[in-house]
Amino acid sequence: MTETGLILASERLDDLEYKGLRIIQDPDGYCFTSDSVLLANLCRVKKGDNVCDLCTGSGVVALLVSAKYDPKKVIGVELQPRLADMAQRSVRYNGYDGRVEILCSSAQNAPKSLGKGVFDVVLVNPPYAPKTEKEGYSEEEICRTEAFLTLEETIGVSAELLRFGGNFFMVNKASRLADALSLMRQYKIEPKKLTLIQPKASKDVDSFVVEGKKNGKPHLVIPPPVIVYNEDGTYTDTARRIYGK
């Protein structure tokens, strides 16, 4: 181990470019993507909120949200022990013990472990691809496919965790939009804001961030799409503003 004994030889330390935060990543395993950063920057969290970050992976959303919004507590839930351990070490490295907690558990078991109706905000960057029946799944396949967590389970669990009037934020691929909105209403999380994400102006929308309110009244706002990159590969002004650059 290096760097205060928290980082394994196979791992690296990435700069999150916000308040000095750094996160432990293993280049040979699952690494976070821009989807997680968009979720952390497009959600709305108030000071003093209790927040649950489902599918926390290496803990990037949990750390960014804690630093950016100063909620009372962020609990990240991660199924895979290796990723949960990596997330917990990142929490310790950044000195966020007491502010961010990592629970190694399936999302399905989170309401039993953490309580029902106790969170002001639930955040999730869930698996998005249909699973392929096979013998065994890699770490990355578990993160990206519905091998152990379906979209319906994700939204159902979030509804259980949220208090009445609590807010739900999810990032997902555009191909899952119809399913997501339908399931949110089914589980009484009313869609309130839908932000579409385009990699470039010349590209189709490829993902979205949706905000919902537990037991909310129907009213959906759709702002102009967020275009992340200019054609030359630099960040657009909108993306720079969202990322706080």
C-alpha atoms as a PDB file:
ATOM      1  CA  MET A   1       0.000   0.000   0.000  1.00  0.00           C
ATOM      2  CA  THR A   2       1.034   3.625  -0.546  1.00  0.00           C
ATOM      3  CA  GLU A   3      -0.328   7.116   0.224  1.00  0.00           C
ATOM      4  CA  THR A   4      -0.957   6.794   3.970  1.00  0.00           C
ATOM      5  CA  GLY A   5      -1.482   3.033   3.596  1.00  0.00           C
ATOM      6  CA  LEU A   6      -4.858   3.361   1.857  1.00  0.00           C
ATOM      7  CA  ILE A   7      -3.971   2.740  -1.807  1.00  0.00           C
ATOM      8  CA  LEU A   8      -2.975  -0.656  -3.182  1.00  0.00           C
ATOM      9  CA  ALA A   9      -0.095  -1.020  -5.624  1.00  0.00           C
ATOM     10  CA  SER A  10      -2.492  -1.794  -8.491  1.00  0.00           C
ATOM     11  CA  GLU A  11      -4.610   1.309  -7.834  1.00  0.00           C
ATOM     12  CA  ARG A  12      -4.328   4.962  -8.789  1.00  0.00           C
ATOM     13  CA  LEU A  13      -5.515   8.193  -7.210  1.00  0.00           C
ATOM     14  CA  ASP A  14      -7.673  10.410  -9.475  1.00  0.00           C
ATOM     15  CA  ASP A  15      -8.323  14.113  -8.955  1.00  0.00           C
ATOM     16  CA  LEU A  16     -12.051  14.939  -8.865  1.00  0.00           C
ATOM     17  CA  GLU A  17     -11.202  18.622  -9.444  1.00  0.00           C
ATOM     18  CA  TYR A  18     -13.449  19.811  -6.636  1.00  0.00           C
ATOM     19  CA  LYS A  19     -12.317  21.004  -3.203  1.00  0.00           C
ATOM     20  CA  GLY A  20      -9.207  18.857  -3.434  1.00  0.00           C
ATOM     21  CA  LEU A  21     -11.136  15.573  -3.520  1.00  0.00           C
ATOM     22  CA  ARG A  22      -9.314  12.543  -4.841  1.00  0.00           C
ATOM     23  CA  ILE A  23     -10.686   9.059  -5.424  1.00  0.00           C
ATOM     24  CA  ILE A  24      -9.103   5.632  -5.549  1.00  0.00           C
ATOM     25  CA  GLN A  25      -9.565   3.750  -8.834  1.00  0.00           C
ATOM     26  CA  ASP A  26      -8.297   0.438 -10.176  1.00  0.00           C
ATOM     27  CA  PRO A  27      -7.612   0.684 -13.930  1.00  0.00           C
ATOM     28  CA  ASP A  28      -8.088  -3.078 -14.245  1.00  0.00           C
ATOM     29  CA  GLY A  29     -11.618  -2.933 -12.790  1.00  0.00           C
ATOM     30  CA  TYR A  30     -14.687  -0.714 -12.981  1.00  0.00           C
ATOM     31  CA  CYS A  31     -13.932   3.023 -13.085  1.00  0.00           C
ATOM     32  CA  PHE A  32     -16.512   5.795 -12.797  1.00  0.00           C
ATOM     33  CA  THR A  33     -17.714   7.664 -15.891  1.00  0.00           C
ATOM     34  CA  SER A  34     -18.982  11.157 -16.643  1.00  0.00           C
ATOM     35  CA  ASP A  35     -22.530   9.914 -15.914  1.00  0.00           C
ATOM     36  CA  SER A  36     -21.708   9.862 -12.197  1.00  0.00           C
ATOM     37  CA  VAL A  37     -20.254  13.374 -12.312  1.00  0.00           C
ATOM     38  CA  LEU A  38     -23.342  14.677 -14.143  1.00  0.00           C
ATOM     39  CA  LEU A  39     -25.622  13.086 -11.541  1.00  0.00           C
ATOM     40  CA  ALA A  40     -23.676  14.659  -8.680  1.00  0.00           C
ATOM     41  CA  ASN A  41     -23.820  18.092 -10.309  1.00  0.00           C
ATOM     42  CA  LEU A  42     -27.416  18.045 -11.580  1.00  0.00           C
ATOM     43  CA  CYS A  43     -29.090  16.790  -8.410  1.00  0.00           C
ATOM     44  CA  ARG A  44     -30.543  19.089  -5.753  1.00  0.00           C
ATOM     45  CA  VAL A  45     -29.461  18.389  -2.193  1.00  0.00           C
ATOM     46  CA  LYS A  46     -29.942  20.738   0.749  1.00  0.00           C
ATOM     47  CA  LYS A  47     -27.753  21.303   3.764  1.00  0.00           C
ATOM     48  CA  GLY A  48     -28.833  18.873   6.461  1.00  0.00           C
ATOM     49  CA  ASP A  49     -30.446  16.323   4.112  1.00  0.00           C
ATOM     50  CA  ASN A  50     -30.099  12.592   4.657  1.00  0.00           C
ATOM     51  CA  VAL A  51     -28.969  11.129   1.326  1.00  0.00           C
ATOM     52  CA  CYS A  52     -28.704   7.591   0.003  1.00  0.00           C
ATOM     53  CA  ASP A  53     -26.498   6.883  -3.021  1.00  0.00           C
ATOM     54  CA  LEU A  54     -27.470   3.502  -4.450  1.00  0.00           C
ATOM     55  CA  CYS A  55     -24.952   1.645  -6.645  1.00  0.00           C
ATOM     56  CA  THR A  56     -22.229   3.909  -5.274  1.00  0.00           C
ATOM     57  CA  GLY A  57     -19.385   1.976  -6.930  1.00  0.00           C
ATOM     58  CA  SER A  58     -16.114   3.624  -5.908  1.00  0.00           C
ATOM     59  CA  GLY A  59     -18.024   6.370  -4.069  1.00  0.00           C
ATOM     60  CA  VAL A  60     -17.589   9.271  -6.491  1.00  0.00           C
ATOM     61  CA  VAL A  61     -21.186  10.542  -6.273  1.00  0.00           C
ATOM     62  CA  ALA A  62     -21.295  10.207  -2.493  1.00  0.00           C
ATOM     63  CA  LEU A  63     -18.082  12.196  -2.056  1.00  0.00           C
ATOM     64  CA  LEU A  64     -18.958  14.928  -4.544  1.00  0.00           C
ATOM     65  CA  VAL A  65     -22.454  15.392  -3.112  1.00  0.00           C
ATOM     66  CA  SER A  66     -21.141  15.579   0.445  1.00  0.00           C
ATOM     67  CA  ALA A  67     -18.547  18.193  -0.529  1.00  0.00           C
ATOM     68  CA  LYS A  68     -20.830  20.227  -2.795  1.00  0.00           C
ATOM     69  CA  TYR A  69     -24.047  20.428  -0.770  1.00  0.00           C
ATOM     70  CA  ASP A  70     -23.068  19.683   2.857  1.00  0.00           C
ATOM     71  CA  PRO A  71     -25.901  17.247   3.632  1.00  0.00           C
ATOM     72  CA  LYS A  72     -26.166  15.737   7.096  1.00  0.00           C
ATOM     73  CA  LYS A  73     -25.061  12.309   5.889  1.00  0.00           C
ATOM     74  CA  VAL A  74     -24.561  10.401   2.642  1.00  0.00           C
ATOM     75  CA  ILE A  75     -24.810   6.621   2.748  1.00  0.00           C
ATOM     76  CA  GLY A  76     -23.433   4.865  -0.313  1.00  0.00           C
ATOM     77  CA  VAL A  77     -24.739   1.355  -0.971  1.00  0.00           C
ATOM     78  CA  GLU A  78     -22.566  -1.004  -3.018  1.00  0.00           C
ATOM     79  CA  LEU A  79     -23.080  -4.708  -3.696  1.00  0.00           C
ATOM     80  CA  GLN A  80     -19.511  -5.649  -4.593  1.00  0.00           C
ATOM     81  CA  PRO A  81     -17.145  -5.932  -1.589  1.00  0.00           C
ATOM     82  CA  ARG A  82     -14.029  -4.849  -3.508  1.00  0.00           C
ATOM     83  CA  LEU A  83     -15.665  -1.657  -4.769  1.00  0.00           C
ATOM     84  CA  ALA A  84     -17.241  -0.966  -1.373  1.00  0.00           C
ATOM     85  CA  ASP A  85     -13.818  -1.308   0.262  1.00  0.00           C
ATOM     86  CA  MET A  86     -12.286   1.017  -2.327  1.00  0.00           C
ATOM     87  CA  ALA A  87     -15.048   3.566  -1.702  1.00  0.00           C
ATOM     88  CA  GLN A  88     -14.557   3.383   2.055  1.00  0.00           C
ATOM     89  CA  ARG A  89     -10.812   3.944   1.660  1.00  0.00           C
ATOM     90  CA  SER A  90     -11.522   6.985  -0.531  1.00  0.00           C
ATOM     91  CA  VAL A  91     -13.806   8.324   2.190  1.00  0.00           C
ATOM     92  CA  ARG A  92     -11.022   7.931   4.748  1.00  0.00           C
ATOM     93  CA  TYR A  93      -8.375   9.363   2.416  1.00  0.00           C
ATOM     94  CA  ASN A  94     -10.418  12.563   1.993  1.00  0.00           C
ATOM     95  CA  GLY A  95     -11.234  12.829   5.698  1.00  0.00           C
ATOM     96  CA  TYR A  96     -14.976  12.383   5.141  1.00  0.00           C
ATOM     97  CA  ASP A  97     -15.545   9.815   7.885  1.00  0.00           C
ATOM     98  CA  GLY A  98     -18.748  10.777   9.663  1.00  0.00           C
ATOM     99  CA  ARG A  99     -20.038  12.572   6.584  1.00  0.00           C
ATOM    100  CA  VAL A 100     -20.053   9.652   4.145  1.00  0.00           C
ATOM    101  CA  GLU A 101     -20.714   6.032   5.070  1.00  0.00           C
ATOM    102  CA  ILE A 102     -20.377   3.027   2.758  1.00  0.00           C
ATOM    103  CA  LEU A 103     -22.674   0.018   3.213  1.00  0.00           C
ATOM    104  CA  CYS A 104     -21.715  -3.202   1.422  1.00  0.00           C
ATOM    105  CA  SER A 105     -25.139  -4.595   0.600  1.00  0.00           C
ATOM    106  CA  SER A 106     -27.471  -5.332  -2.257  1.00  0.00           C
ATOM    107  CA  ALA A 107     -29.745  -2.430  -3.126  1.00  0.00           C
ATOM    108  CA  GLN A 108     -32.720  -4.723  -2.551  1.00  0.00           C
ATOM    109  CA  ASN A 109     -31.722  -5.130   1.093  1.00  0.00           C
ATOM    110  CA  ALA A 110     -31.120  -1.413   1.719  1.00  0.00           C
ATOM    111  CA  PRO A 111     -34.618  -0.585   3.061  1.00  0.00           C
ATOM    112  CA  LYS A 112     -34.273  -3.367   5.637  1.00  0.00           C
ATOM    113  CA  SER A 113     -30.767  -2.247   6.639  1.00  0.00           C
ATOM    114  CA  LEU A 114     -31.297   1.520   6.553  1.00  0.00           C
ATOM    115  CA  GLY A 115     -35.034   1.934   7.145  1.00  0.00           C
ATOM    116  CA  LYS A 116     -38.037   2.851   5.034  1.00  0.00           C
ATOM    117  CA  GLY A 117     -39.100   6.446   4.446  1.00  0.00           C
ATOM    118  CA  VAL A 118     -36.000   7.901   6.104  1.00  0.00           C
ATOM    119  CA  PHE A 119     -34.135   9.643   3.264  1.00  0.00           C
ATOM    120  CA  ASP A 120     -34.689  13.146   1.914  1.00  0.00           C
ATOM    121  CA  VAL A 121     -32.840  12.281  -1.307  1.00  0.00           C
ATOM    122  CA  VAL A 122     -31.995   9.076  -3.154  1.00  0.00           C
ATOM    123  CA  LEU A 123     -29.414   9.194  -5.949  1.00  0.00           C
ATOM    124  CA  VAL A 124     -28.608   6.361  -8.336  1.00  0.00           C
ATOM    125  CA  ASN A 125     -26.498   5.591 -11.375  1.00  0.00           C
ATOM    126  CA  PRO A 126     -27.865   2.072 -11.904  1.00  0.00           C
ATOM    127  CA  PRO A 127     -26.962  -0.758 -14.259  1.00  0.00           C
ATOM    128  CA  TYR A 128     -28.516   0.109 -17.616  1.00  0.00           C
ATOM    129  CA  ALA A 129     -27.965  -2.814 -19.991  1.00  0.00           C
ATOM    130  CA  PRO A 130     -30.106  -5.980 -20.050  1.00  0.00           C
ATOM    131  CA  LYS A 131     -28.255  -8.932 -18.580  1.00  0.00           C
ATOM    132  CA  THR A 132     -27.013 -11.837 -20.655  1.00  0.00           C
ATOM    133  CA  GLU A 133     -27.465 -15.234 -19.048  1.00  0.00           C
ATOM    134  CA  LYS A 134     -23.998 -16.670 -18.473  1.00  0.00           C
ATOM    135  CA  GLU A 135     -21.772 -18.336 -15.923  1.00  0.00           C
ATOM    136  CA  GLY A 136     -20.332 -15.585 -13.755  1.00  0.00           C
ATOM    137  CA  TYR A 137     -20.116 -11.825 -14.290  1.00  0.00           C
ATOM    138  CA  SER A 138     -17.120  -9.531 -14.158  1.00  0.00           C
ATOM    139  CA  GLU A 139     -17.014  -6.511 -11.844  1.00  0.00           C
ATOM    140  CA  GLU A 140     -17.720  -4.213 -14.776  1.00  0.00           C
ATOM    141  CA  GLU A 141     -20.613  -6.384 -16.041  1.00  0.00           C
ATOM    142  CA  ILE A 142     -22.239  -6.264 -12.608  1.00  0.00           C
ATOM    143  CA  CYS A 143     -21.991  -2.460 -12.640  1.00  0.00           C
ATOM    144  CA  ARG A 144     -23.285  -2.024 -16.182  1.00  0.00           C
ATOM    145  CA  THR A 145     -25.846  -4.812 -16.669  1.00  0.00           C
ATOM    146  CA  GLU A 146     -28.957  -5.865 -14.791  1.00  0.00           C
ATOM    147  CA  ALA A 147     -27.301  -9.088 -13.651  1.00  0.00           C
ATOM    148  CA  PHE A 148     -28.201  -8.425 -10.002  1.00  0.00           C
ATOM    149  CA  LEU A 149     -30.395  -5.297 -10.082  1.00  0.00           C
ATOM    150  CA  THR A 150     -33.131  -4.397 -12.545  1.00  0.00           C
ATOM    151  CA  LEU A 151     -34.440  -0.925 -13.298  1.00  0.00           C
ATOM    152  CA  GLU A 152     -37.746  -1.803 -11.656  1.00  0.00           C
ATOM    153  CA  GLU A 153     -35.951  -2.954  -8.499  1.00  0.00           C
ATOM    154  CA  THR A 154     -33.879   0.242  -8.503  1.00  0.00           C
ATOM    155  CA  ILE A 155     -36.956   2.470  -8.585  1.00  0.00           C
ATOM    156  CA  GLY A 156     -38.965   0.291  -6.209  1.00  0.00           C
ATOM    157  CA  VAL A 157     -36.181   0.329  -3.613  1.00  0.00           C
ATOM    158  CA  SER A 158     -35.753   4.099  -4.009  1.00  0.00           C
ATOM    159  CA  ALA A 159     -39.466   4.598  -3.358  1.00  0.00           C
ATOM    160  CA  GLU A 160     -39.175   2.575  -0.147  1.00  0.00           C
ATOM    161  CA  LEU A 161     -36.178   4.564   1.075  1.00  0.00           C
ATOM    162  CA  LEU A 162     -37.657   8.013   0.384  1.00  0.00           C
ATOM    163  CA  ARG A 163     -39.780   9.937   2.842  1.00  0.00           C
ATOM    164  CA  PHE A 164     -43.062  11.464   1.645  1.00  0.00           C
ATOM    165  CA  GLY A 165     -42.040  14.366  -0.600  1.00  0.00           C
ATOM    166  CA  GLY A 166     -38.463  13.150  -0.846  1.00  0.00           C
ATOM    167  CA  ASN A 167     -36.502  13.647  -4.073  1.00  0.00           C
ATOM    168  CA  PHE A 168     -35.154  11.005  -6.441  1.00  0.00           C
ATOM    169  CA  PHE A 169     -32.388  11.588  -8.997  1.00  0.00           C
ATOM    170  CA  MET A 170     -31.257   9.021 -11.535  1.00  0.00           C
ATOM    171  CA  VAL A 171     -28.886   9.085 -14.497  1.00  0.00           C
ATOM    172  CA  ASN A 172     -29.464   6.500 -17.193  1.00  0.00           C
ATOM    173  CA  LYS A 173     -29.168   5.847 -20.913  1.00  0.00           C
ATOM    174  CA  ALA A 174     -31.697   7.370 -23.305  1.00  0.00           C
ATOM    175  CA  SER A 175     -32.817   3.912 -24.371  1.00  0.00           C
ATOM    176  CA  ARG A 176     -34.271   3.386 -20.868  1.00  0.00           C
ATOM    177  CA  LEU A 177     -36.215   6.660 -20.672  1.00  0.00           C
ATOM    178  CA  ALA A 178     -39.697   5.275 -21.401  1.00  0.00           C
ATOM    179  CA  ASP A 179     -39.185   2.443 -18.914  1.00  0.00           C
ATOM    180  CA  ALA A 180     -37.882   4.842 -16.263  1.00  0.00           C
ATOM    181  CA  LEU A 181     -40.779   7.310 -16.437  1.00  0.00           C
ATOM    182  CA  SER A 182     -43.357   4.520 -16.477  1.00  0.00           C
ATOM    183  CA  LEU A 183     -41.809   2.761 -13.473  1.00  0.00           C
ATOM    184  CA  MET A 184     -41.419   5.992 -11.514  1.00  0.00           C
ATOM    185  CA  ARG A 185     -45.152   6.643 -11.746  1.00  0.00           C
ATOM    186  CA  GLN A 186     -45.887   3.020 -10.923  1.00  0.00           C
ATOM    187  CA  TYR A 187     -43.937   3.379  -7.669  1.00  0.00           C
ATOM    188  CA  LYS A 188     -45.371   6.824  -6.884  1.00  0.00           C
ATOM    189  CA  ILE A 189     -42.253   8.836  -7.709  1.00  0.00           C
ATOM    190  CA  GLU A 190     -43.651  11.583  -9.914  1.00  0.00           C
ATOM    191  CA  PRO A 191     -41.238  12.765 -12.653  1.00  0.00           C
ATOM    192  CA  LYS A 192     -40.616  16.500 -12.122  1.00  0.00           C
ATOM    193  CA  LYS A 193     -37.598  17.417 -14.267  1.00  0.00           C
ATOM    194  CA  LEU A 194     -35.943  15.665 -17.190  1.00  0.00           C
ATOM    195  CA  THR A 195     -32.496  16.805 -18.361  1.00  0.00           C
ATOM    196  CA  LEU A 196     -31.357  15.269 -21.643  1.00  0.00           C
ATOM    197  CA  ILE A 197     -27.619  14.848 -22.270  1.00  0.00           C
ATOM    198  CA  GLN A 198     -25.912  15.140 -25.665  1.00  0.00           C
ATOM    199  CA  PRO A 199     -22.192  14.345 -26.001  1.00  0.00           C
ATOM    200  CA  LYS A 200     -21.943  16.964 -28.804  1.00  0.00           C
ATOM    201  CA  ALA A 201     -24.448  19.075 -30.718  1.00  0.00           C
ATOM    202  CA  SER A 202     -23.874  16.827 -33.735  1.00  0.00           C
ATOM    203  CA  LYS A 203     -24.729  13.681 -31.728  1.00  0.00           C
ATOM    204  CA  ASP A 204     -28.050  12.274 -30.551  1.00  0.00           C
ATOM    205  CA  VAL A 205     -29.118  12.440 -26.908  1.00  0.00           C
ATOM    206  CA  ASP A 206     -27.476   9.437 -25.260  1.00  0.00           C
ATOM    207  CA  SER A 207     -28.417   9.773 -21.594  1.00  0.00           C
ATOM    208  CA  PHE A 208     -30.602  11.686 -19.155  1.00  0.00           C
ATOM    209  CA  VAL A 209     -30.899  12.778 -15.546  1.00  0.00           C
ATOM    210  CA  VAL A 210     -34.422  12.582 -14.165  1.00  0.00           C
ATOM    211  CA  GLU A 211     -35.696  14.139 -10.950  1.00  0.00           C
ATOM    212  CA  GLY A 212     -38.790  12.788  -9.229  1.00  0.00           C
ATOM    213  CA  LYS A 213     -40.727  13.515  -6.057  1.00  0.00           C
ATOM    214  CA  LYS A 214     -42.210  10.820  -3.824  1.00  0.00           C
ATOM    215  CA  ASN A 215     -46.018  11.262  -3.943  1.00  0.00           C
ATOM    216  CA  GLY A 216     -45.604  14.476  -5.959  1.00  0.00           C
ATOM    217  CA  LYS A 217     -48.212  16.080  -8.201  1.00  0.00           C
ATOM    218  CA  PRO A 218     -47.894  15.775 -11.998  1.00  0.00           C
ATOM    219  CA  HIS A 219     -45.791  18.544 -13.554  1.00  0.00           C
ATOM    220  CA  LEU A 220     -42.771  17.773 -15.708  1.00  0.00           C
ATOM    221  CA  VAL A 221     -40.194  20.372 -16.773  1.00  0.00           C
ATOM    222  CA  ILE A 222     -37.814  19.646 -19.674  1.00  0.00           C
ATOM    223  CA  PRO A 223     -35.040  22.261 -19.970  1.00  0.00           C
ATOM    224  CA  PRO A 224     -32.811  22.553 -23.045  1.00  0.00           C
ATOM    225  CA  PRO A 225     -30.468  19.553 -23.422  1.00  0.00           C
ATOM    226  CA  VAL A 226     -27.040  19.688 -21.847  1.00  0.00           C
ATOM    227  CA  ILE A 227     -24.384  19.471 -24.555  1.00  0.00           C
ATOM    228  CA  VAL A 228     -21.179  18.315 -22.890  1.00  0.00           C
ATOM    229  CA  TYR A 229     -18.494  18.880 -25.533  1.00  0.00           C
ATOM    230  CA  ASN A 230     -17.845  21.319 -28.332  1.00  0.00           C
ATOM    231  CA  GLU A 231     -16.957  19.765 -31.682  1.00  0.00           C
ATOM    232  CA  ASP A 232     -13.254  20.282 -30.894  1.00  0.00           C
ATOM    233  CA  GLY A 233     -13.549  18.195 -27.727  1.00  0.00           C
ATOM    234  CA  THR A 234     -13.445  21.071 -25.218  1.00  0.00           C
ATOM    235  CA  TYR A 235     -16.171  21.478 -22.614  1.00  0.00           C
ATOM    236  CA  THR A 236     -19.116  23.686 -23.567  1.00  0.00           C
ATOM    237  CA  ASP A 237     -19.871  26.686 -21.368  1.00  0.00           C
ATOM    238  CA  THR A 238     -22.921  24.830 -20.024  1.00  0.00           C
ATOM    239  CA  ALA A 239     -20.861  21.789 -19.058  1.00  0.00           C
ATOM    240  CA  ARG A 240     -18.178  23.954 -17.452  1.00  0.00           C
ATOM    241  CA  ARG A 241     -20.839  25.694 -15.384  1.00  0.00           C
ATOM    242  CA  ILE A 242     -22.404  22.372 -14.305  1.00  0.00           C
ATOM    243  CA  TYR A 243     -19.022  20.909 -13.387  1.00  0.00           C
ATOM    244  CA  GLY A 244     -18.066  24.075 -11.537  1.00  0.00           C
ATOM    245  CA  LYS A 245     -15.029  24.740 -13.711  1.00  0.00           C
END
